[in-house]
Amino acid sequence: MDHIPAADWPAVGEAAHQVVREAKAAGIWIFGGGIERQQATIVATDGGITPGPVPETKAVVGGFSIIEVATREEALAWAAKIAASCRCAQEVREIMFDPES
């Protein structure tokens, strides 16, 4: 998000939070948050811990939002609102429901 001037950060934050408030009011918001670091930590099946790969792309995952909507089109519409508010493109993925969760 280094394309956003420092002076614009408060406005970007408020715009992003406004979309979150709108999603909560619509009853679709599940969870969201920022990603603290780009490099993952891998925990193996034996409990061993190693640093994960450093992403090879210049794209940065700054955060994520989980919403529950009826259609992919609805998800894309919300992603467009989020993209406009935070001035960053959004990646949309579908999460499969696990009835045990």
N, C-alpha and C. Protein backbone atom coordinates (compact mmCIF):
# COMPACT_ATOMS: atom_id res chain seq x y z
N MET A 1 0.82 -1.19 0.00
CA MET A 1 0.00 0.00 0.00
C MET A 1 0.86 1.26 0.00
N ASP A 2 2.10 1.11 -0.47
CA ASP A 2 3.00 2.24 -0.46
C ASP A 2 2.64 3.30 -1.50
N HIS A 3 1.62 3.05 -2.31
CA HIS A 3 1.15 4.05 -3.26
C HIS A 3 0.25 5.10 -2.62
N ILE A 4 -0.10 4.88 -1.36
CA ILE A 4 -0.99 5.80 -0.65
C ILE A 4 -0.14 6.80 0.12
N PRO A 5 -0.30 8.09 -0.14
CA PRO A 5 0.47 9.09 0.60
C PRO A 5 0.16 9.02 2.10
N ALA A 6 1.16 9.25 2.91
CA ALA A 6 1.01 9.18 4.37
C ALA A 6 -0.14 10.06 4.86
N ALA A 7 -0.30 11.20 4.26
CA ALA A 7 -1.36 12.12 4.69
C ALA A 7 -2.76 11.55 4.43
N ASP A 8 -2.87 10.58 3.53
CA ASP A 8 -4.18 10.00 3.19
C ASP A 8 -4.56 8.81 4.08
N TRP A 9 -3.62 8.29 4.87
CA TRP A 9 -3.90 7.10 5.67
C TRP A 9 -5.11 7.24 6.58
N PRO A 10 -5.29 8.34 7.30
CA PRO A 10 -6.50 8.44 8.14
C PRO A 10 -7.79 8.33 7.33
N ALA A 11 -7.84 8.97 6.17
CA ALA A 11 -9.05 8.91 5.34
C ALA A 11 -9.26 7.50 4.79
N VAL A 12 -8.20 6.84 4.39
CA VAL A 12 -8.30 5.47 3.88
C VAL A 12 -8.80 4.55 4.99
N GLY A 13 -8.23 4.70 6.18
CA GLY A 13 -8.67 3.88 7.32
C GLY A 13 -10.14 4.09 7.64
N GLU A 14 -10.57 5.33 7.64
CA GLU A 14 -11.98 5.62 7.93
C GLU A 14 -12.88 5.06 6.84
N ALA A 15 -12.49 5.20 5.58
CA ALA A 15 -13.30 4.67 4.47
C ALA A 15 -13.41 3.15 4.57
N ALA A 16 -12.30 2.48 4.87
CA ALA A 16 -12.33 1.02 5.00
C ALA A 16 -13.20 0.60 6.18
N HIS A 17 -13.08 1.30 7.30
CA HIS A 17 -13.90 0.96 8.46
C HIS A 17 -15.39 1.22 8.18
N GLN A 18 -15.68 2.23 7.36
CA GLN A 18 -17.08 2.49 7.00
C GLN A 18 -17.67 1.32 6.23
N VAL A 19 -16.90 0.73 5.32
CA VAL A 19 -17.38 -0.45 4.59
C VAL A 19 -17.60 -1.61 5.55
N VAL A 20 -16.72 -1.78 6.52
CA VAL A 20 -16.89 -2.84 7.52
C VAL A 20 -18.19 -2.60 8.30
N ARG A 21 -18.41 -1.36 8.71
CA ARG A 21 -19.65 -1.05 9.44
C ARG A 21 -20.88 -1.34 8.58
N GLU A 22 -20.78 -1.02 7.29
CA GLU A 22 -21.89 -1.29 6.36
C GLU A 22 -22.13 -2.80 6.23
N ALA A 23 -21.06 -3.57 6.13
CA ALA A 23 -21.18 -5.03 6.03
C ALA A 23 -21.77 -5.62 7.30
N LYS A 24 -21.36 -5.08 8.45
CA LYS A 24 -21.93 -5.56 9.73
C LYS A 24 -23.43 -5.25 9.80
N ALA A 25 -23.79 -4.04 9.38
CA ALA A 25 -25.21 -3.65 9.39
C ALA A 25 -26.03 -4.53 8.45
N ALA A 26 -25.40 -4.98 7.36
CA ALA A 26 -26.08 -5.85 6.40
C ALA A 26 -26.13 -7.30 6.88
N GLY A 27 -25.42 -7.61 7.98
CA GLY A 27 -25.44 -8.95 8.53
C GLY A 27 -24.57 -9.95 7.79
N ILE A 28 -23.61 -9.47 6.99
CA ILE A 28 -22.78 -10.39 6.20
C ILE A 28 -21.35 -10.51 6.73
N TRP A 29 -20.96 -9.64 7.65
CA TRP A 29 -19.58 -9.61 8.15
C TRP A 29 -19.33 -10.79 9.08
N ILE A 30 -18.27 -11.55 8.81
CA ILE A 30 -17.86 -12.64 9.69
C ILE A 30 -16.62 -12.23 10.49
N PHE A 31 -15.56 -11.84 9.78
CA PHE A 31 -14.30 -11.49 10.45
C PHE A 31 -13.37 -10.82 9.46
N GLY A 32 -12.46 -10.03 9.96
CA GLY A 32 -11.43 -9.44 9.12
C GLY A 32 -10.30 -8.92 9.97
N GLY A 33 -9.19 -8.67 9.34
CA GLY A 33 -8.05 -8.13 10.06
C GLY A 33 -6.86 -7.93 9.15
N GLY A 34 -5.84 -7.31 9.69
CA GLY A 34 -4.62 -7.07 8.95
C GLY A 34 -3.65 -8.23 9.09
N ILE A 35 -2.76 -8.35 8.12
CA ILE A 35 -1.71 -9.37 8.16
C ILE A 35 -0.45 -8.68 8.67
N GLU A 36 0.11 -9.19 9.76
CA GLU A 36 1.26 -8.53 10.38
C GLU A 36 2.55 -8.74 9.61
N ARG A 37 2.77 -9.91 9.05
CA ARG A 37 4.00 -10.14 8.28
C ARG A 37 3.68 -10.98 7.07
N GLN A 38 4.49 -10.84 6.05
CA GLN A 38 4.25 -11.54 4.79
C GLN A 38 4.79 -12.96 4.79
N GLN A 39 5.81 -13.23 5.56
CA GLN A 39 6.40 -14.56 5.57
C GLN A 39 5.64 -15.45 6.55
N ALA A 40 5.24 -16.61 6.08
CA ALA A 40 4.51 -17.56 6.93
C ALA A 40 5.48 -18.34 7.80
N THR A 41 4.97 -18.97 8.84
CA THR A 41 5.70 -19.93 9.64
C THR A 41 5.04 -21.28 9.39
N ILE A 42 5.84 -22.29 9.11
CA ILE A 42 5.31 -23.62 8.80
C ILE A 42 5.44 -24.50 10.03
N VAL A 43 4.33 -25.10 10.43
CA VAL A 43 4.32 -26.07 11.53
C VAL A 43 4.07 -27.44 10.91
N ALA A 44 5.06 -28.33 11.01
CA ALA A 44 4.99 -29.65 10.39
C ALA A 44 4.13 -30.60 11.22
N THR A 45 3.82 -31.74 10.65
CA THR A 45 2.98 -32.73 11.34
C THR A 45 3.65 -33.23 12.62
N ASP A 46 4.99 -33.18 12.69
CA ASP A 46 5.69 -33.61 13.90
C ASP A 46 5.87 -32.48 14.90
N GLY A 47 5.30 -31.30 14.60
CA GLY A 47 5.39 -30.16 15.50
C GLY A 47 6.60 -29.28 15.23
N GLY A 48 7.46 -29.68 14.31
CA GLY A 48 8.62 -28.87 13.97
C GLY A 48 8.19 -27.54 13.35
N ILE A 49 8.95 -26.51 13.65
CA ILE A 49 8.62 -25.17 13.19
C ILE A 49 9.77 -24.62 12.34
N THR A 50 9.44 -24.15 11.14
CA THR A 50 10.44 -23.55 10.25
C THR A 50 9.84 -22.31 9.61
N PRO A 51 10.71 -21.38 9.22
CA PRO A 51 10.20 -20.22 8.48
C PRO A 51 9.65 -20.66 7.14
N GLY A 52 8.57 -20.07 6.75
CA GLY A 52 7.98 -20.39 5.45
C GLY A 52 8.67 -19.63 4.35
N PRO A 53 8.24 -19.88 3.14
CA PRO A 53 8.85 -19.17 2.01
C PRO A 53 8.51 -17.68 2.05
N VAL A 54 9.44 -16.90 1.59
CA VAL A 54 9.18 -15.47 1.42
C VAL A 54 8.45 -15.32 0.10
N PRO A 55 7.32 -14.62 0.08
CA PRO A 55 6.60 -14.46 -1.18
C PRO A 55 7.49 -13.88 -2.27
N GLU A 56 7.42 -14.46 -3.46
CA GLU A 56 8.26 -14.01 -4.57
C GLU A 56 7.64 -12.84 -5.33
N THR A 57 6.47 -12.47 -4.98
CA THR A 57 5.78 -11.39 -5.68
C THR A 57 5.94 -10.08 -4.93
N LYS A 58 5.79 -9.00 -5.63
CA LYS A 58 5.83 -7.69 -4.98
C LYS A 58 4.47 -7.34 -4.38
N ALA A 59 3.45 -8.12 -4.73
CA ALA A 59 2.12 -7.88 -4.16
C ALA A 59 2.15 -8.23 -2.69
N VAL A 60 1.52 -7.42 -1.90
CA VAL A 60 1.50 -7.61 -0.46
C VAL A 60 0.07 -7.89 -0.02
N VAL A 61 -0.09 -8.88 0.81
CA VAL A 61 -1.40 -9.15 1.40
C VAL A 61 -1.46 -8.33 2.68
N GLY A 62 -2.25 -7.28 2.67
CA GLY A 62 -2.32 -6.38 3.82
C GLY A 62 -3.35 -6.80 4.83
N GLY A 63 -4.32 -7.57 4.41
CA GLY A 63 -5.37 -7.99 5.32
C GLY A 63 -6.37 -8.86 4.59
N PHE A 64 -7.43 -9.20 5.30
CA PHE A 64 -8.46 -10.05 4.71
C PHE A 64 -9.80 -9.74 5.34
N SER A 65 -10.84 -10.06 4.63
CA SER A 65 -12.21 -9.92 5.12
C SER A 65 -12.95 -11.21 4.79
N ILE A 66 -13.70 -11.70 5.74
CA ILE A 66 -14.54 -12.87 5.50
C ILE A 66 -15.98 -12.41 5.65
N ILE A 67 -16.72 -12.59 4.57
CA ILE A 67 -18.14 -12.24 4.57
C ILE A 67 -18.93 -13.47 4.12
N GLU A 68 -20.20 -13.48 4.47
CA GLU A 68 -21.07 -14.58 4.04
C GLU A 68 -22.22 -13.99 3.23
N VAL A 69 -22.19 -14.30 1.93
CA VAL A 69 -23.21 -13.81 1.02
C VAL A 69 -23.75 -14.97 0.20
N ALA A 70 -24.86 -14.75 -0.46
CA ALA A 70 -25.54 -15.83 -1.17
C ALA A 70 -24.91 -16.17 -2.52
N THR A 71 -24.28 -15.18 -3.17
CA THR A 71 -23.77 -15.42 -4.51
C THR A 71 -22.36 -14.86 -4.69
N ARG A 72 -21.67 -15.38 -5.69
CA ARG A 72 -20.34 -14.86 -6.03
C ARG A 72 -20.45 -13.40 -6.49
N GLU A 73 -21.50 -13.08 -7.22
CA GLU A 73 -21.70 -11.72 -7.69
C GLU A 73 -21.79 -10.74 -6.52
N GLU A 74 -22.49 -11.16 -5.48
CA GLU A 74 -22.60 -10.32 -4.28
C GLU A 74 -21.23 -10.16 -3.62
N ALA A 75 -20.45 -11.22 -3.58
CA ALA A 75 -19.10 -11.14 -3.02
C ALA A 75 -18.24 -10.17 -3.83
N LEU A 76 -18.36 -10.23 -5.15
CA LEU A 76 -17.59 -9.34 -6.00
C LEU A 76 -18.01 -7.88 -5.80
N ALA A 77 -19.29 -7.65 -5.58
CA ALA A 77 -19.77 -6.29 -5.34
C ALA A 77 -19.19 -5.74 -4.04
N TRP A 78 -19.15 -6.57 -2.99
CA TRP A 78 -18.55 -6.14 -1.73
C TRP A 78 -17.05 -5.94 -1.88
N ALA A 79 -16.39 -6.81 -2.63
CA ALA A 79 -14.95 -6.65 -2.87
C ALA A 79 -14.67 -5.33 -3.57
N ALA A 80 -15.55 -4.93 -4.47
CA ALA A 80 -15.38 -3.65 -5.16
C ALA A 80 -15.49 -2.48 -4.18
N LYS A 81 -16.42 -2.58 -3.22
CA LYS A 81 -16.55 -1.54 -2.19
C LYS A 81 -15.28 -1.48 -1.34
N ILE A 82 -14.76 -2.64 -0.96
CA ILE A 82 -13.55 -2.68 -0.14
C ILE A 82 -12.37 -2.13 -0.93
N ALA A 83 -12.25 -2.52 -2.20
CA ALA A 83 -11.14 -2.05 -3.04
C ALA A 83 -11.17 -0.52 -3.16
N ALA A 84 -12.34 0.04 -3.37
CA ALA A 84 -12.45 1.49 -3.50
C ALA A 84 -12.08 2.18 -2.19
N SER A 85 -12.52 1.61 -1.07
CA SER A 85 -12.28 2.26 0.22
C SER A 85 -10.81 2.22 0.64
N CYS A 86 -10.13 1.11 0.37
CA CYS A 86 -8.73 1.00 0.80
C CYS A 86 -7.74 1.28 -0.32
N ARG A 87 -8.27 1.59 -1.50
CA ARG A 87 -7.45 1.95 -2.66
C ARG A 87 -6.49 0.83 -3.07
N CYS A 88 -6.94 -0.41 -2.89
CA CYS A 88 -6.12 -1.57 -3.24
C CYS A 88 -7.01 -2.63 -3.90
N ALA A 89 -6.46 -3.30 -4.89
CA ALA A 89 -7.18 -4.41 -5.52
C ALA A 89 -7.45 -5.49 -4.48
N GLN A 90 -8.51 -6.24 -4.71
CA GLN A 90 -8.90 -7.31 -3.79
C GLN A 90 -8.90 -8.65 -4.51
N GLU A 91 -8.45 -9.66 -3.82
CA GLU A 91 -8.50 -11.04 -4.32
C GLU A 91 -9.71 -11.70 -3.68
N VAL A 92 -10.55 -12.33 -4.48
CA VAL A 92 -11.77 -12.95 -3.95
C VAL A 92 -11.61 -14.46 -4.03
N ARG A 93 -11.86 -15.11 -2.91
CA ARG A 93 -11.83 -16.58 -2.85
C ARG A 93 -13.07 -17.05 -2.14
N GLU A 94 -13.52 -18.24 -2.55
CA GLU A 94 -14.68 -18.84 -1.90
C GLU A 94 -14.18 -19.86 -0.87
N ILE A 95 -14.77 -19.81 0.30
CA ILE A 95 -14.41 -20.74 1.37
C ILE A 95 -15.50 -21.80 1.46
N MET A 96 -15.09 -23.05 1.44
CA MET A 96 -16.07 -24.14 1.56
C MET A 96 -16.52 -24.26 3.00
N PHE A 97 -17.81 -24.42 3.19
CA PHE A 97 -18.38 -24.57 4.53
C PHE A 97 -18.09 -25.96 5.06
N ASP A 98 -17.66 -26.02 6.29
CA ASP A 98 -17.45 -27.30 6.97
C ASP A 98 -18.50 -27.40 8.08
N PRO A 99 -19.45 -28.31 7.99
CA PRO A 99 -20.52 -28.40 8.98
C PRO A 99 -20.03 -28.70 10.39
N GLU A 100 -18.79 -29.16 10.53
CA GLU A 100 -18.23 -29.43 11.85
C GLU A 100 -17.66 -28.17 12.49
N SER A 101 -17.58 -27.06 11.72
CA SER A 101 -16.98 -25.84 12.29
C SER A 101 -18.00 -25.02 13.06
